[in-house]
Amino acid sequence: MRGELQFDGARAYAHLKHLVVDIGPRLGGSDDERRAAEYIRGHYERIGLQARLEEFPVTNYDLRQKQLVATSPAMREVPCEVYYLNQDTPAEGLEADAVYVGPGDLSHLGPEVEGHIVLVLRGVRSDTYADLMRWKPAGLVIIEDTVATGPIRTETLPEVRAKFGAVPAVRISHEDGLRLVKEGVQRMRLVVRTTEHQATSRNVIADLPGTVFPDQIIVIGGHFDSSIGIQGASDNAGGTVVAMELARVFAERGSKRSLRFFAWGSEELGLRGSVHHVKALKKAHKEAKKADGFVKGRDKTELEKHMLCVNIDVQGSVLGMNEALVLGPKDLGAALRLMSKEHGPAYQVQDDIYSSDNMPFSEAGVPSVGFARSGGTTSFLHTLGDIIDHLRPEALQENGRFIEEFLIRYVTEARAFPFEREIPEEMKKKIREYFEKRLAIDYLEDEEEKKES
């Protein structure tokens, strides 16, 4: 079978160059994200697929001013990145005593941090963010845990801000944080000035109908947005172009089962594109089951036709390890392990959650696998270092062909679909904890579901 593989890393790399160099950074809801969506849709249409855009609202933002200065014991400016969608300072900034509180578990904090600028190592998870807000700090400085990469660019969720409150917040490099703590920083001045507004983001969706089992739908995709001002070459133009090239391959080969290709919008803003899509599927599912003439066991809703989600995130880096994170039956992980051991490349296959666009599908009962790269050059994710120079066509092709072969064996040519449509109970618990604790919001529940629960 391996001699028949058609995935072309050079074709994928050409798409990558257009997305990250010709178009550039693609913050969710921005004009450049829209331009990227139109380019991706054009590709799908040129290879003969039925393509469409699915729009949804997001909160967009931009930077006006940022500054962090250690005022005592020595006046020194510290390079920083804004932790967006929190809170601005007054125009003149704010100055307060500083206190270092250790790693990101903030449950031990007390009134000693009130009115202080709090320095914390590693990111603050949404479920511990409430512990910090309870004591009313003046500001937050997050020290990165990874060395030699610079502070990352990211944001909190507007829903978390509305639920727990917010303070002006920035991120600094590990090295600068180490220096501040060693010097015993006592007082700091912080300036954060941003703008935010409501914008429109979109998913790109393209369908290849199955020739034998059209009612068995396999989702294949990756998010095409990036963090603000960042090329996002590996995260996740790399995954997007792998999906685009897989679409070309299977548009030519055909498939017994329906393949639905996605380029997800605004993943970096909190899985917005996939959450929007799955919420619509869940709503339609409930309505269809109540419709006249629907017979349980004979008829299937659109959601029930979804058999598997294949999410491709963080791809193409020259140095890194291959991962496959599985939420589904044991046979799914076993198939990936056997393929990897049979002929490579080496994959670390785990039955575990992966924080990307497969998560909403698995919350809705659809098994998923998330293909990703980790370690090595992926340390630059969400920083200005996530650039095309660190990616190569050969790396895209190696993993693209592995995914291609997986799909041929178990999806497009299989006589019977080999994986049960089930999520083990222990995985369901992890998924629910992910949405409730890590994101601190019942993202996928509509008002009716909340009342029923």
Protein backbone atom coordinates (compact mmCIF):
# COMPACT_ATOMS: atom_id res chain seq x y z
CA MET A 1 0.00 0.00 0.00
CA ARG A 2 2.81 2.44 0.77
CA GLY A 3 3.87 2.60 -2.86
CA GLU A 4 0.43 3.99 -3.73
CA LEU A 5 0.53 6.95 -1.36
CA GLN A 6 0.06 10.29 -3.10
CA PHE A 7 0.42 12.98 -0.43
CA ASP A 8 2.85 15.58 -1.79
CA GLY A 9 4.74 17.63 0.81
CA ALA A 10 5.81 20.19 -1.80
CA ARG A 11 2.18 20.94 -2.69
CA ALA A 12 1.31 21.32 1.00
CA TYR A 13 4.33 23.58 1.55
CA ALA A 14 3.23 25.86 -1.31
CA HIS A 15 -0.12 26.36 0.44
CA LEU A 16 1.77 26.98 3.68
CA LYS A 17 3.89 29.71 2.08
CA HIS A 18 0.81 31.51 0.80
CA LEU A 19 -0.98 31.37 4.15
CA VAL A 20 1.88 32.49 6.40
CA VAL A 21 4.01 34.69 4.10
CA ASP A 22 1.65 36.15 1.47
CA ILE A 23 -1.31 36.52 3.87
CA GLY A 24 0.47 36.49 7.23
CA PRO A 25 -0.95 36.47 10.79
CA ARG A 26 -4.60 35.32 10.91
CA LEU A 27 -6.19 36.36 14.20
CA GLY A 28 -9.72 35.03 14.43
CA GLY A 29 -12.20 37.50 12.98
CA SER A 30 -9.56 39.59 11.21
CA ASP A 31 -9.51 40.56 7.52
CA ASP A 32 -6.47 38.32 7.02
CA GLU A 33 -8.31 35.35 8.50
CA ARG A 34 -11.09 36.06 5.99
CA ARG A 35 -8.56 36.20 3.13
CA ALA A 36 -7.12 32.85 4.25
CA ALA A 37 -10.61 31.32 4.37
CA GLU A 38 -11.33 32.44 0.81
CA TYR A 39 -8.02 30.97 -0.35
CA ILE A 40 -8.76 27.61 1.30
CA ARG A 41 -12.30 27.52 -0.09
CA GLY A 42 -10.91 28.27 -3.56
CA HIS A 43 -8.57 25.28 -3.25
CA TYR A 44 -11.42 22.96 -2.29
CA GLU A 45 -13.54 24.16 -5.20
CA ARG A 46 -10.67 23.79 -7.69
CA ILE A 47 -10.25 20.12 -6.77
CA GLY A 48 -13.96 19.52 -7.29
CA LEU A 49 -15.36 19.51 -3.75
CA GLN A 50 -18.55 21.20 -2.58
CA ALA A 51 -17.25 24.01 -0.36
CA ARG A 52 -18.91 26.62 1.86
CA LEU A 53 -18.18 29.09 4.63
CA GLU A 54 -19.82 28.85 8.06
CA GLU A 55 -19.76 32.19 9.90
CA PHE A 56 -19.94 32.86 13.65
CA PRO A 57 -19.23 35.77 16.02
CA VAL A 58 -16.01 36.25 17.99
CA THR A 59 -14.48 38.91 20.21
CA ASN A 60 -11.51 40.45 18.40
CA TYR A 61 -8.79 42.69 19.85
CA ASP A 62 -5.74 44.78 19.10
CA LEU A 63 -2.85 46.37 21.00
CA ARG A 64 -2.55 50.08 21.75
CA GLN A 65 0.15 50.18 24.43
CA LYS A 66 2.05 47.83 26.74
CA GLN A 67 4.80 48.41 29.29
CA LEU A 68 6.12 46.69 32.39
CA VAL A 69 8.70 48.45 34.56
CA ALA A 70 10.38 47.22 37.74
CA THR A 71 10.52 50.42 39.81
CA SER A 72 12.11 48.96 42.94
CA PRO A 73 14.80 48.01 43.76
CA ALA A 74 15.98 49.29 40.33
CA MET A 75 14.19 51.12 37.50
CA ARG A 76 14.20 48.72 34.55
CA GLU A 77 11.74 48.00 31.73
CA VAL A 78 10.86 44.34 31.20
CA PRO A 79 9.81 43.09 27.73
CA CYS A 80 6.28 41.67 27.88
CA GLU A 81 3.30 40.45 25.89
CA VAL A 82 -0.25 41.39 26.82
CA TYR A 83 -2.50 38.63 28.13
CA TYR A 84 -5.44 39.80 26.05
CA LEU A 85 -9.14 40.08 26.86
CA ASN A 86 -8.51 40.76 30.52
CA GLN A 87 -8.58 44.40 31.68
CA ASP A 88 -6.85 47.62 30.70
CA THR A 89 -4.99 49.89 33.09
CA PRO A 90 -5.68 53.62 33.27
CA ALA A 91 -3.93 55.58 30.51
CA GLU A 92 -1.10 56.48 32.86
CA GLY A 93 -0.76 52.86 34.01
CA LEU A 94 -0.79 51.51 37.56
CA GLU A 95 1.97 51.08 40.10
CA ALA A 96 1.83 48.65 43.02
CA ASP A 97 3.89 46.44 45.28
CA ALA A 98 4.92 43.14 43.65
CA VAL A 99 4.76 39.62 45.08
CA TYR A 100 5.93 36.31 43.59
CA VAL A 101 3.55 33.47 44.52
CA GLY A 102 5.10 30.45 42.77
CA PRO A 103 3.57 28.09 40.20
CA GLY A 104 0.12 28.27 38.63
CA ASP A 105 -1.84 26.57 41.43
CA LEU A 106 -3.23 29.62 43.20
CA SER A 107 -5.54 27.92 45.69
CA HIS A 108 -3.14 28.76 48.55
CA LEU A 109 -3.40 32.52 48.07
CA GLY A 110 -4.92 34.86 50.64
CA PRO A 111 -5.44 38.55 51.39
CA GLU A 112 -1.67 39.17 51.25
CA VAL A 113 -1.98 39.60 47.44
CA GLU A 114 -4.76 42.19 47.55
CA GLY A 115 -3.73 45.35 45.70
CA HIS A 116 -0.42 43.77 44.57
CA ILE A 117 0.96 42.97 41.14
CA VAL A 118 1.20 39.18 41.37
CA LEU A 119 3.99 37.26 39.61
CA VAL A 120 3.18 33.61 38.93
CA LEU A 121 5.14 30.84 37.18
CA ARG A 122 3.38 29.16 34.23
CA GLY A 123 -0.05 29.92 32.88
CA VAL A 124 -3.08 30.42 35.07
CA ARG A 125 -5.75 27.84 34.31
CA SER A 126 -9.30 29.09 34.25
CA ASP A 127 -10.29 26.99 37.24
CA THR A 128 -7.54 28.57 39.38
CA TYR A 129 -8.12 32.04 37.96
CA ALA A 130 -11.09 32.32 40.32
CA ASP A 131 -8.75 31.73 43.29
CA LEU A 132 -6.69 34.73 42.20
CA MET A 133 -9.60 37.06 41.47
CA ARG A 134 -11.13 36.37 44.88
CA TRP A 135 -8.32 38.36 46.55
CA LYS A 136 -8.48 41.40 44.23
CA PRO A 137 -4.89 41.80 43.01
CA ALA A 138 -3.93 44.95 41.11
CA GLY A 139 -2.34 43.10 38.20
CA LEU A 140 -0.89 39.80 36.99
CA VAL A 141 2.51 38.94 35.50
CA ILE A 142 2.84 35.39 34.16
CA ILE A 143 6.40 34.03 33.94
CA GLU A 144 6.82 31.49 31.15
CA ASP A 145 7.94 28.03 32.19
CA THR A 146 9.84 27.37 28.94
CA VAL A 147 13.31 28.83 28.59
CA ALA A 148 14.77 30.71 25.60
CA THR A 149 11.52 31.24 23.67
CA GLY A 150 10.12 34.57 24.83
CA PRO A 151 6.64 35.25 26.23
CA ILE A 152 3.68 33.80 24.35
CA ARG A 153 0.75 35.68 22.85
CA THR A 154 -2.62 34.48 24.05
CA GLU A 155 -5.85 35.58 25.70
CA THR A 156 -8.40 34.59 28.30
CA LEU A 157 -11.99 33.76 27.43
CA PRO A 158 -14.56 36.58 27.59
CA GLU A 159 -16.84 34.18 29.45
CA VAL A 160 -14.18 33.60 32.11
CA ARG A 161 -13.68 37.33 32.48
CA ALA A 162 -17.43 37.85 32.88
CA LYS A 163 -17.68 35.02 35.40
CA PHE A 164 -14.66 35.73 37.62
CA GLY A 165 -13.54 39.26 36.82
CA ALA A 166 -10.20 40.38 35.44
CA VAL A 167 -7.09 42.46 36.08
CA PRO A 168 -4.46 43.89 33.73
CA ALA A 169 -2.17 41.01 32.81
CA VAL A 170 1.04 40.43 30.85
CA ARG A 171 3.43 37.58 30.17
CA ILE A 172 7.24 37.71 30.40
CA SER A 173 10.05 35.33 29.48
CA HIS A 174 11.40 32.78 31.90
CA GLU A 175 14.76 34.55 31.95
CA ASP A 176 13.24 37.94 32.82
CA GLY A 177 11.08 36.34 35.50
CA LEU A 178 14.11 34.60 36.98
CA ARG A 179 15.99 37.88 37.09
CA LEU A 180 13.12 39.72 38.80
CA VAL A 181 12.66 37.06 41.46
CA LYS A 182 16.42 36.78 42.15
CA GLU A 183 16.67 40.57 42.48
CA GLY A 184 13.76 40.55 44.89
CA VAL A 185 11.49 42.87 42.91
CA GLN A 186 9.36 44.90 45.29
CA ARG A 187 7.37 47.29 43.14
CA MET A 188 6.29 47.49 39.49
CA ARG A 189 4.46 49.74 37.07
CA LEU A 190 2.17 48.20 34.45
CA VAL A 191 0.55 49.74 31.37
CA VAL A 192 -1.94 47.72 29.31
CA ARG A 193 -4.06 49.48 26.68
CA THR A 194 -6.00 47.45 24.13
CA THR A 195 -9.08 47.64 21.94
CA GLU A 196 -11.67 44.94 21.43
CA HIS A 197 -14.74 44.58 19.27
CA GLN A 198 -17.14 41.99 17.94
CA ALA A 199 -16.12 40.44 14.62
CA THR A 200 -17.06 37.60 12.29
CA SER A 201 -14.95 34.47 11.94
CA ARG A 202 -15.66 31.47 9.76
CA ASN A 203 -15.06 27.77 9.17
CA VAL A 204 -14.32 26.46 5.68
CA ILE A 205 -16.16 23.19 4.99
CA ALA A 206 -15.79 20.94 1.96
CA ASP A 207 -17.61 17.67 1.28
CA LEU A 208 -16.55 14.57 -0.62
CA PRO A 209 -19.65 12.28 -0.69
CA GLY A 210 -19.06 8.60 -0.04
CA THR A 211 -19.68 6.19 -2.91
CA VAL A 212 -20.88 3.25 -0.78
CA PHE A 213 -21.66 4.57 2.71
CA PRO A 214 -22.55 8.25 2.23
CA ASP A 215 -24.25 8.37 5.65
CA GLN A 216 -20.99 7.59 7.44
CA ILE A 217 -19.19 10.93 7.85
CA ILE A 218 -15.52 11.33 8.72
CA VAL A 219 -14.36 14.81 9.73
CA ILE A 220 -10.80 15.78 8.74
CA GLY A 221 -9.33 19.18 9.47
CA GLY A 222 -7.23 21.68 11.34
CA HIS A 223 -7.56 25.30 12.43
CA PHE A 224 -6.18 27.98 10.13
CA ASP A 225 -6.14 30.99 12.47
CA SER A 226 -3.09 32.15 14.41
CA SER A 227 -2.32 34.18 17.51
CA ILE A 228 -2.17 37.95 17.06
CA GLY A 229 0.75 39.17 14.94
CA ILE A 230 2.26 35.69 14.54
CA GLN A 231 2.82 33.69 11.34
CA GLY A 232 1.48 30.57 13.04
CA ALA A 233 3.41 28.40 10.60
CA SER A 234 3.40 25.22 12.66
CA ASP A 235 0.33 26.18 14.73
CA ASN A 236 -1.57 25.73 12.66
CA ALA A 237 -1.03 26.58 9.04
CA GLY A 238 0.95 23.32 9.03
CA GLY A 239 -2.06 21.23 10.05
CA THR A 240 -4.35 23.16 7.71
CA VAL A 241 -2.23 22.47 4.63
CA VAL A 242 -1.96 18.78 5.53
CA ALA A 243 -5.77 18.63 5.48
CA MET A 244 -5.85 20.60 2.20
CA GLU A 245 -3.46 18.16 0.52
CA LEU A 246 -5.35 15.16 1.91
CA ALA A 247 -8.48 16.64 0.34
CA ARG A 248 -6.73 16.71 -3.05
CA VAL A 249 -5.57 13.13 -2.65
CA PHE A 250 -9.00 11.77 -1.82
CA ALA A 251 -10.82 13.94 -4.35
CA GLU A 252 -8.78 11.97 -6.91
CA ARG A 253 -8.95 8.57 -5.17
CA GLY A 254 -12.55 8.71 -4.00
CA SER A 255 -13.88 7.25 -0.76
CA LYS A 256 -16.50 4.71 0.25
CA ARG A 257 -17.42 6.99 3.16
CA SER A 258 -18.18 10.69 3.14
CA LEU A 259 -15.20 12.88 4.01
CA ARG A 260 -15.92 16.33 5.42
CA PHE A 261 -12.86 18.57 5.34
CA PHE A 262 -12.65 21.53 7.70
CA ALA A 263 -10.45 24.55 8.16
CA TRP A 264 -11.51 25.71 11.61
CA GLY A 265 -11.66 29.40 12.43
CA SER A 266 -10.71 31.02 15.75
CA GLU A 267 -9.39 27.93 17.53
CA GLU A 268 -6.91 30.18 19.32
CA LEU A 269 -9.80 32.22 20.74
CA GLY A 270 -11.23 29.17 22.50
CA LEU A 271 -12.17 26.53 19.89
CA ARG A 272 -14.82 28.93 18.59
CA GLY A 273 -15.28 27.43 15.14
CA SER A 274 -15.63 23.80 16.19
CA VAL A 275 -17.77 24.70 19.20
CA HIS A 276 -20.13 26.70 16.98
CA HIS A 277 -20.41 23.84 14.50
CA VAL A 278 -20.98 21.12 17.09
CA LYS A 279 -23.55 23.18 19.00
CA ALA A 280 -25.51 23.47 15.75
CA LEU A 281 -25.21 19.70 15.21
CA LYS A 282 -26.47 19.02 18.74
CA LYS A 283 -29.41 21.36 18.34
CA ALA A 284 -30.37 19.79 14.99
CA HIS A 285 -29.97 16.34 16.57
CA LYS A 286 -32.51 17.10 19.31
CA GLU A 287 -34.97 18.61 16.84
CA ALA A 288 -34.68 15.72 14.39
CA LYS A 289 -35.40 13.11 17.07
CA LYS A 290 -38.63 14.94 17.95
CA ALA A 291 -39.75 15.27 14.33
CA ASP A 292 -42.75 13.34 13.02
CA GLY A 293 -41.74 10.17 11.22
CA PHE A 294 -38.34 9.82 12.89
CA VAL A 295 -37.84 6.20 13.97
CA LYS A 296 -35.12 5.47 16.48
CA GLY A 297 -32.92 2.60 15.31
CA ARG A 298 -33.90 3.13 11.69
CA ASP A 299 -33.17 6.81 11.14
CA LYS A 300 -30.03 8.72 12.04
CA THR A 301 -29.53 12.38 12.74
CA GLU A 302 -26.68 14.30 11.10
CA LEU A 303 -24.73 14.09 14.35
CA GLU A 304 -25.24 10.33 14.58
CA LYS A 305 -23.81 9.92 11.07
CA HIS A 306 -20.48 11.31 12.28
CA MET A 307 -18.21 8.31 12.88
CA LEU A 308 -14.79 9.84 13.53
CA CYS A 309 -13.03 13.22 13.79
CA VAL A 310 -9.40 13.46 12.61
CA ASN A 311 -7.87 16.71 13.84
CA ILE A 312 -4.47 17.84 12.55
CA ASP A 313 -2.75 20.47 14.67
CA VAL A 314 0.89 21.61 14.86
CA GLN A 315 2.61 20.09 11.84
CA GLY A 316 5.67 20.49 9.66
CA SER A 317 8.42 21.38 12.14
CA VAL A 318 11.82 19.92 11.31
CA LEU A 319 12.53 18.88 14.91
CA GLY A 320 9.82 17.38 17.08
CA MET A 321 8.00 14.23 18.16
CA ASN A 322 4.85 12.82 16.58
CA GLU A 323 1.81 12.37 18.78
CA ALA A 324 -1.64 10.88 18.30
CA LEU A 325 -4.11 11.65 21.09
CA VAL A 326 -7.10 9.30 20.99
CA LEU A 327 -10.58 9.76 22.43
CA GLY A 328 -12.45 6.65 21.46
CA PRO A 329 -12.43 2.85 21.49
CA LYS A 330 -9.27 0.90 22.29
CA ASP A 331 -9.07 -0.41 18.72
CA LEU A 332 -8.52 3.12 17.41
CA GLY A 333 -5.36 3.66 19.43
CA ALA A 334 -4.21 0.10 18.73
CA ALA A 335 -4.52 0.61 14.97
CA LEU A 336 -2.33 3.71 15.12
CA ARG A 337 0.28 1.97 17.29
CA LEU A 338 0.47 -1.00 14.92
CA MET A 339 0.83 1.23 11.86
CA SER A 340 3.60 3.22 13.51
CA LYS A 341 5.51 0.10 14.55
CA GLU A 342 5.00 -1.55 11.17
CA HIS A 343 6.78 1.05 9.06
CA GLY A 344 7.03 4.35 10.95
CA PRO A 345 7.29 7.18 11.48
CA ALA A 346 7.45 6.81 15.24
CA TYR A 347 4.31 8.01 17.01
CA GLN A 348 3.55 8.38 20.68
CA VAL A 349 -0.06 7.22 20.85
CA GLN A 350 -2.01 8.08 24.00
CA ASP A 351 -5.60 7.69 25.08
CA ASP A 352 -6.04 11.25 26.29
CA ILE A 353 -7.54 14.66 25.61
CA TYR A 354 -5.97 17.13 23.20
CA SER A 355 -6.87 20.80 23.48
CA SER A 356 -8.02 21.45 19.94
CA ASP A 357 -10.99 21.21 17.58
CA ASN A 358 -11.59 17.49 18.06
CA MET A 359 -12.72 18.11 21.65
CA PRO A 360 -16.24 19.43 20.89
CA PHE A 361 -16.91 16.42 18.64
CA SER A 362 -15.85 13.95 21.31
CA GLU A 363 -17.92 15.82 23.91
CA ALA A 364 -20.85 15.12 21.55
CA GLY A 365 -20.00 11.40 21.40
CA VAL A 366 -17.87 11.23 18.25
CA PRO A 367 -14.53 9.38 18.62
CA SER A 368 -11.52 11.44 17.62
CA VAL A 369 -7.79 11.36 17.08
CA GLY A 370 -5.60 14.45 17.25
CA PHE A 371 -2.38 14.31 15.24
CA ALA A 372 0.28 16.75 16.46
CA ARG A 373 3.97 17.49 16.85
CA SER A 374 5.46 18.28 20.27
CA GLY A 375 8.86 19.12 21.72
CA GLY A 376 11.79 20.49 19.74
CA THR A 377 10.94 23.48 17.60
CA THR A 378 7.32 23.45 18.73
CA SER A 379 8.56 25.31 21.81
CA PHE A 380 8.08 28.45 19.68
CA LEU A 381 4.29 28.02 19.48
CA HIS A 382 2.37 31.24 20.18
CA THR A 383 5.57 33.28 19.90
CA LEU A 384 7.18 35.25 17.08
CA GLY A 385 9.41 32.20 16.55
CA ASP A 386 6.62 30.12 14.97
CA ILE A 387 7.79 30.90 11.45
CA ILE A 388 8.01 29.07 8.14
CA ASP A 389 11.81 28.83 8.40
CA HIS A 390 11.37 26.05 10.97
CA LEU A 391 9.19 23.90 8.69
CA ARG A 392 10.05 21.67 5.74
CA PRO A 393 8.05 19.91 2.98
CA GLU A 394 9.58 16.57 4.02
CA ALA A 395 8.14 16.85 7.53
CA LEU A 396 4.68 17.65 6.15
CA GLN A 397 4.92 14.71 3.75
CA GLU A 398 6.07 12.18 6.34
CA ASN A 399 3.09 12.77 8.60
CA GLY A 400 0.69 13.51 5.76
CA ARG A 401 1.38 10.10 4.25
CA PHE A 402 0.93 8.41 7.61
CA ILE A 403 -2.52 9.98 7.98
CA GLU A 404 -3.30 9.19 4.34
CA GLU A 405 -2.52 5.52 4.87
CA PHE A 406 -4.54 5.43 8.09
CA LEU A 407 -7.54 6.83 6.22
CA ILE A 408 -7.17 4.42 3.29
CA ARG A 409 -6.91 1.36 5.55
CA TYR A 410 -9.67 2.14 7.99
CA VAL A 411 -11.96 4.67 6.34
CA THR A 412 -11.98 5.13 2.60
CA GLU A 413 -11.44 1.49 1.55
CA ALA A 414 -12.58 -0.53 4.58
CA ARG A 415 -15.39 -3.00 3.85
CA ALA A 416 -16.91 -2.25 7.26
CA PHE A 417 -16.05 0.66 9.52
CA PRO A 418 -13.72 -0.90 12.10
CA PHE A 419 -14.13 1.40 15.13
CA GLU A 420 -17.09 1.47 17.47
CA ARG A 421 -18.77 4.85 17.85
CA GLU A 422 -18.13 5.10 21.57
CA ILE A 423 -16.23 7.16 24.12
CA PRO A 424 -15.15 5.20 27.24
CA GLU A 425 -16.52 6.54 30.50
CA GLU A 426 -13.12 7.56 31.87
CA MET A 427 -12.54 9.64 28.73
CA LYS A 428 -15.97 11.26 29.00
CA LYS A 429 -14.99 12.41 32.47
CA LYS A 430 -11.75 13.93 31.17
CA ILE A 431 -13.60 15.72 28.39
CA ARG A 432 -16.16 17.17 30.77
CA GLU A 433 -13.43 18.30 33.17
CA TYR A 434 -11.62 19.93 30.26
CA PHE A 435 -14.61 22.09 29.41
CA GLU A 436 -15.72 22.78 32.97
CA LYS A 437 -12.33 23.30 34.65
CA ARG A 438 -9.79 24.24 32.01
CA LEU A 439 -12.17 26.48 30.11
CA ALA A 440 -14.38 27.10 33.16
CA ILE A 441 -17.56 27.24 31.12
CA ASP A 442 -20.35 24.93 29.99
CA TYR A 443 -19.40 25.77 26.43
CA LEU A 444 -21.52 23.24 24.63
CA GLU A 445 -24.73 23.46 26.59
CA ASP A 446 -27.54 25.68 25.39
CA GLU A 447 -30.03 27.22 27.82
CA GLU A 448 -32.45 24.31 27.45
CA GLU A 449 -29.74 21.77 28.30
CA LYS A 450 -28.75 23.76 31.39
CA LYS A 451 -32.34 23.71 32.63
CA GLU A 452 -32.62 19.95 32.05
CA SER A 453 -29.38 19.29 33.98
